[in-house]
Amino acid sequence: MGASGVIFLTGAIGLEHISNNCDSIFETKCTQFGLFGLSSLEETFEMISICLFNYATLKLFTGNYDHISIQIKRQNN
């Protein structure tokens, strides 16, 4: 789940920052196709991270996760 968070933040914050400041970062006038490519890559990172998060959550809830085991025991009174 941590990997999905890193991927999401990379896309949402990192690529958003690059696309918003494209002219000053690359020191040239960014074309419309370049900005379209950066925006598409940003959205792709975000969608992949959400898919990965959903997959990891599903594995966790079904008990097929190898690294985390959750057991809830009821106390007898």
N, C-alpha and C. Protein backbone atom coordinates (compact mmCIF):
# COMPACT_ATOMS: atom_id res chain seq x y z
N MET A 1 0.81 -1.19 0.00
CA MET A 1 0.00 0.00 0.00
C MET A 1 0.86 1.26 0.00
N GLY A 2 2.03 1.13 0.59
CA GLY A 2 2.93 2.27 0.60
C GLY A 2 3.41 2.64 -0.79
N ALA A 3 3.62 1.61 -1.62
CA ALA A 3 4.06 1.87 -2.99
C ALA A 3 3.00 2.65 -3.76
N SER A 4 1.73 2.32 -3.53
CA SER A 4 0.67 3.04 -4.24
C SER A 4 0.63 4.50 -3.81
N GLY A 5 0.92 4.77 -2.55
CA GLY A 5 0.96 6.16 -2.08
C GLY A 5 2.11 6.94 -2.70
N VAL A 6 3.26 6.29 -2.82
CA VAL A 6 4.41 6.96 -3.44
C VAL A 6 4.14 7.24 -4.91
N ILE A 7 3.57 6.27 -5.61
CA ILE A 7 3.25 6.46 -7.03
C ILE A 7 2.22 7.57 -7.20
N PHE A 8 1.21 7.60 -6.33
CA PHE A 8 0.17 8.62 -6.42
C PHE A 8 0.77 10.01 -6.20
N LEU A 9 1.60 10.15 -5.17
CA LEU A 9 2.19 11.46 -4.89
C LEU A 9 3.16 11.89 -5.97
N THR A 10 3.87 10.93 -6.55
CA THR A 10 4.76 11.26 -7.66
C THR A 10 3.97 11.83 -8.83
N GLY A 11 2.85 11.19 -9.14
CA GLY A 11 2.03 11.69 -10.23
C GLY A 11 1.30 12.97 -9.90
N ALA A 12 0.67 12.98 -8.72
CA ALA A 12 -0.18 14.12 -8.36
C ALA A 12 0.62 15.38 -8.07
N ILE A 13 1.71 15.24 -7.35
CA ILE A 13 2.48 16.43 -6.97
C ILE A 13 3.67 16.64 -7.90
N GLY A 14 4.45 15.59 -8.14
CA GLY A 14 5.66 15.74 -8.92
C GLY A 14 5.41 16.14 -10.37
N LEU A 15 4.61 15.38 -11.07
CA LEU A 15 4.37 15.69 -12.48
C LEU A 15 3.47 16.91 -12.65
N GLU A 16 2.61 17.16 -11.70
CA GLU A 16 1.80 18.38 -11.74
C GLU A 16 2.70 19.61 -11.63
N HIS A 17 3.68 19.54 -10.75
CA HIS A 17 4.62 20.65 -10.60
C HIS A 17 5.43 20.85 -11.88
N ILE A 18 5.88 19.77 -12.47
CA ILE A 18 6.66 19.88 -13.70
C ILE A 18 5.82 20.46 -14.83
N SER A 19 4.58 19.99 -14.97
CA SER A 19 3.76 20.50 -16.07
C SER A 19 3.35 21.96 -15.85
N ASN A 20 3.17 22.37 -14.61
CA ASN A 20 2.81 23.77 -14.34
C ASN A 20 3.99 24.71 -14.52
N ASN A 21 5.20 24.22 -14.28
CA ASN A 21 6.40 25.06 -14.37
C ASN A 21 7.31 24.58 -15.50
N CYS A 22 6.74 24.08 -16.56
CA CYS A 22 7.48 23.49 -17.66
C CYS A 22 8.46 24.48 -18.28
N ASP A 23 8.03 25.69 -18.48
CA ASP A 23 8.88 26.68 -19.14
C ASP A 23 10.14 26.99 -18.33
N SER A 24 9.98 27.14 -17.02
CA SER A 24 11.14 27.50 -16.21
C SER A 24 12.03 26.29 -15.90
N ILE A 25 11.48 25.11 -15.83
CA ILE A 25 12.29 23.92 -15.53
C ILE A 25 13.16 23.55 -16.73
N PHE A 26 12.56 23.48 -17.91
CA PHE A 26 13.29 23.06 -19.10
C PHE A 26 13.92 24.23 -19.86
N GLU A 27 13.68 25.45 -19.39
CA GLU A 27 14.23 26.69 -19.97
C GLU A 27 13.94 26.81 -21.46
N THR A 28 12.77 26.39 -21.85
CA THR A 28 12.31 26.52 -23.23
C THR A 28 10.79 26.58 -23.22
N LYS A 29 10.22 27.05 -24.30
CA LYS A 29 8.76 27.11 -24.40
C LYS A 29 8.22 25.70 -24.63
N CYS A 30 7.39 25.22 -23.72
CA CYS A 30 6.82 23.87 -23.84
C CYS A 30 5.66 23.90 -24.84
N THR A 31 5.64 22.90 -25.69
CA THR A 31 4.58 22.83 -26.69
C THR A 31 3.31 22.26 -26.07
N GLN A 32 2.24 22.39 -26.80
CA GLN A 32 0.97 21.85 -26.34
C GLN A 32 1.03 20.33 -26.27
N PHE A 33 1.76 19.70 -27.19
CA PHE A 33 1.89 18.25 -27.17
C PHE A 33 2.72 17.78 -25.97
N GLY A 34 3.73 18.55 -25.61
CA GLY A 34 4.53 18.23 -24.43
C GLY A 34 3.72 18.30 -23.15
N LEU A 35 2.92 19.35 -23.04
CA LEU A 35 2.06 19.48 -21.86
C LEU A 35 0.99 18.40 -21.84
N PHE A 36 0.46 18.03 -23.01
CA PHE A 36 -0.50 16.95 -23.09
C PHE A 36 0.13 15.63 -22.64
N GLY A 37 1.39 15.39 -23.05
CA GLY A 37 2.09 14.18 -22.64
C GLY A 37 2.33 14.13 -21.14
N LEU A 38 2.74 15.27 -20.56
CA LEU A 38 2.95 15.32 -19.11
C LEU A 38 1.65 15.11 -18.35
N SER A 39 0.57 15.71 -18.83
CA SER A 39 -0.73 15.54 -18.17
C SER A 39 -1.21 14.10 -18.27
N SER A 40 -1.00 13.49 -19.42
CA SER A 40 -1.40 12.10 -19.59
C SER A 40 -0.59 11.18 -18.68
N LEU A 41 0.71 11.44 -18.58
CA LEU A 41 1.57 10.65 -17.71
C LEU A 41 1.18 10.82 -16.25
N GLU A 42 0.83 12.04 -15.88
CA GLU A 42 0.39 12.31 -14.50
C GLU A 42 -0.86 11.52 -14.17
N GLU A 43 -1.85 11.58 -15.05
CA GLU A 43 -3.10 10.85 -14.81
C GLU A 43 -2.88 9.34 -14.82
N THR A 44 -1.95 8.87 -15.65
CA THR A 44 -1.64 7.44 -15.68
C THR A 44 -1.04 6.98 -14.36
N PHE A 45 -0.11 7.77 -13.82
CA PHE A 45 0.46 7.43 -12.52
C PHE A 45 -0.62 7.36 -11.45
N GLU A 46 -1.54 8.30 -11.47
CA GLU A 46 -2.60 8.33 -10.47
C GLU A 46 -3.52 7.12 -10.61
N MET A 47 -3.87 6.76 -11.83
CA MET A 47 -4.77 5.61 -12.03
C MET A 47 -4.09 4.29 -11.66
N ILE A 48 -2.82 4.16 -12.00
CA ILE A 48 -2.09 2.94 -11.64
C ILE A 48 -2.00 2.80 -10.13
N SER A 49 -1.75 3.91 -9.45
CA SER A 49 -1.63 3.84 -7.99
C SER A 49 -2.96 3.49 -7.34
N ILE A 50 -4.05 3.97 -7.87
CA ILE A 50 -5.36 3.62 -7.31
C ILE A 50 -5.67 2.15 -7.55
N CYS A 51 -5.32 1.65 -8.73
CA CYS A 51 -5.51 0.21 -9.00
C CYS A 51 -4.67 -0.64 -8.07
N LEU A 52 -3.42 -0.23 -7.84
CA LEU A 52 -2.54 -0.97 -6.94
C LEU A 52 -3.06 -0.92 -5.51
N PHE A 53 -3.58 0.22 -5.09
CA PHE A 53 -4.15 0.34 -3.74
C PHE A 53 -5.36 -0.56 -3.59
N ASN A 54 -6.25 -0.56 -4.59
CA ASN A 54 -7.43 -1.42 -4.53
C ASN A 54 -7.04 -2.89 -4.49
N TYR A 55 -6.05 -3.28 -5.27
CA TYR A 55 -5.58 -4.66 -5.29
C TYR A 55 -5.02 -5.07 -3.92
N ALA A 56 -4.17 -4.21 -3.34
CA ALA A 56 -3.59 -4.51 -2.04
C ALA A 56 -4.65 -4.57 -0.95
N THR A 57 -5.62 -3.68 -1.01
CA THR A 57 -6.70 -3.70 -0.02
C THR A 57 -7.55 -4.95 -0.15
N LEU A 58 -7.84 -5.37 -1.36
CA LEU A 58 -8.60 -6.59 -1.58
C LEU A 58 -7.84 -7.80 -1.06
N LYS A 59 -6.54 -7.87 -1.32
CA LYS A 59 -5.73 -8.98 -0.81
C LYS A 59 -5.71 -8.98 0.72
N LEU A 60 -5.66 -7.80 1.32
CA LEU A 60 -5.65 -7.69 2.77
C LEU A 60 -6.96 -8.17 3.36
N PHE A 61 -8.07 -7.76 2.78
CA PHE A 61 -9.38 -8.13 3.32
C PHE A 61 -9.74 -9.59 3.10
N THR A 62 -9.22 -10.20 2.05
CA THR A 62 -9.53 -11.61 1.79
C THR A 62 -8.58 -12.55 2.52
N GLY A 63 -7.56 -12.02 3.15
CA GLY A 63 -6.64 -12.85 3.91
C GLY A 63 -5.56 -13.49 3.07
N ASN A 64 -5.41 -13.09 1.83
CA ASN A 64 -4.39 -13.66 0.96
C ASN A 64 -3.11 -12.85 0.95
N TYR A 65 -2.94 -12.00 1.91
CA TYR A 65 -1.77 -11.13 1.98
C TYR A 65 -0.70 -11.85 2.79
N ASP A 66 0.48 -11.97 2.27
CA ASP A 66 1.53 -12.76 2.91
C ASP A 66 2.18 -12.08 4.09
N HIS A 67 2.18 -10.79 4.15
CA HIS A 67 2.97 -10.08 5.15
C HIS A 67 2.18 -9.58 6.35
N ILE A 68 0.89 -9.43 6.22
CA ILE A 68 0.09 -8.88 7.31
C ILE A 68 -1.00 -9.88 7.66
N SER A 69 -1.14 -10.16 8.91
CA SER A 69 -2.19 -11.07 9.36
C SER A 69 -2.96 -10.37 10.48
N ILE A 70 -4.25 -10.28 10.31
CA ILE A 70 -5.10 -9.63 11.31
C ILE A 70 -6.05 -10.68 11.87
N GLN A 71 -6.04 -10.82 13.19
CA GLN A 71 -6.96 -11.74 13.84
C GLN A 71 -7.74 -10.99 14.89
N ILE A 72 -9.03 -11.19 14.89
CA ILE A 72 -9.89 -10.55 15.89
C ILE A 72 -10.48 -11.67 16.73
N LYS A 73 -10.19 -11.62 18.02
CA LYS A 73 -10.70 -12.64 18.93
C LYS A 73 -11.67 -12.01 19.90
N ARG A 74 -12.72 -12.70 20.14
CA ARG A 74 -13.73 -12.23 21.08
C ARG A 74 -13.45 -12.82 22.45
N GLN A 75 -13.47 -11.99 23.47
CA GLN A 75 -13.23 -12.47 24.81
C GLN A 75 -14.48 -13.11 25.38
N ASN A 76 -14.31 -14.21 26.06
CA ASN A 76 -15.45 -14.87 26.72
C ASN A 76 -15.63 -14.25 28.10
N ASN A 77 -16.86 -13.87 28.39
CA ASN A 77 -17.15 -13.27 29.70
C ASN A 77 -17.67 -14.29 30.66
